Structures are given as structure tokens and as C-alpha cells.
Amino acid sequence: MKTPAAVRLSAMYRRQLAQHATFKDEAGWRVADLYTSADGEAAAARRGVGLHDASATGKLGVRGGDLEPLVTALTGREPPPVGRASRVELHGAALLCRLAADELLLLTRPGDLASVESMVAKTAETVGCAHVTDLTSAFAAVDLIGPRVIALLERLLPLDLSEAAVPPLAVVQGELARVHAIVLRQDGRLPAFRILVAREHGEFVWESLRDAGHDLGLTLVGAAARARLHGEA
């Protein structure tokens, strides 16, 4: 009898269980799909702030002095400048986030991780100095969506998050609730940010955001509601 593969659990899984989330399995992850109803969660996010666990995102770190030829070989264009991200197609939609001159963070859909990692690793072998590391389990990630997102983040993150300072697809780093965070702005029709922190801090940051957003209409948003918000954030 074949033993089933282990299921990955988010750092926030215990907190989601306490909120009576309904889960689904996706690409090896157990993902919170619903808390109440998809329509209700999406509507609440459009009024205030939606908090979504995005930890199931694939996360690849790429370091080295030859990032430019690597990205050009993969995508046909130059990498984004430091502090910016770009949307690319690599076996599906992905985000290239330039953290430093010699460091990229590549975010993929969960089901695309293995094929993208293989593609990037094979291409890296041909360009010189570029090393690929799977960081998927090293980071917890959340999406914040809604018109009151900036008001929430201003309570926890001592950075200027105005659109002039942090435009869409900007990547900044700072201390969110005293925890180091990578912050990606990904506005659509609604303000939206993706925040990544070390996995061991995920539960703390989740609860810090919930506490800080209580009076701003923060609601938990499962995967079904997040899909409804696609294109809006």
C-alpha cells in the first residue's frame, strides 16, 4: 500500500482551526478555503481589510553575481531593479522580487514550484554564479487586501507606504510588529500587500495583524474568497 505524501501546514494552521476554517488540499498543502462564506468574506475585504494566508505560495531564493543573464535567459528581459518586482511566465504566472543586487525571491503558484525550480536550476548552471534555494517552508506569507490596508500597516510597520514612496510592485523590507518582513505591494483595484516573514514568526504576525485591524473591519479571507478578489488585488 502506497503511503500518502506528507501534507504541508501553514504556520497559522492552528489559529485557522480555532476559527473553524474549512480546509482543502492543494498541491500538497492544507489550505483554509472558507471561514464563513466566500461572498461574505470578499465583500468584507472590499469594505475594510481582508487577511489571507498565502503561505502555500512557492518561494525560491536565487543568489549570485549573474542574476541578469539568468533572468534574461529565463524570461527574455532584464530583471527588475533592486526594490521592485515584475510579473513573469515560468510554467505559469510568477513574481520576480529583486531584494538586492545579488538576490532574487521568486514567488510561484504552489503547483508550479517543482517545475519552476527545475527550470531555474538548470538555467543557472549555464550562466555562471547563481544558486537556487527552495525557501517555501522557510517563510510564512499573508495577503492584506482592502481600502483600509494602509491604515492597518501604519500601526505596525514604521515605513512610508504612500503610493509615491511604495508604488505597485515595489518591494520593501522593515520591521512589522518588531519582526523582519519583506513587503510587496500588488494593488489592483484595491490596495493590496503580500508580506513574508520567517515561518517561526508567522503565527505571531497573524495575531498582531488581527489585533491591530479589529476596529478597521479586518476579516479572515479563505482561498475561495481570495479567488473572487483576483484582479481586484
Foldseek 3Di string as FASTA:
>chain_A
DDDDDAADEALCNVVCVVLVFDWDGDLRYTFRADSDDLVVQLVLCAQFKEKGWPLLWWKKKKFWQQQQVLVCVQAVDGADDAQFWDWGADVHIKIWHHPDNGMIIITHHNNCNVSNQVVSVVSCVVGPIMDMDGCSLFKTKMKMWYAHPVVLQVVFWVDPPPCVVQNARGWDWGQGNHFIWIWHWHAALITMIMIIGTRVCVNVNVVSSCVSCVVRSYDYHTPSNVVVCVRRD
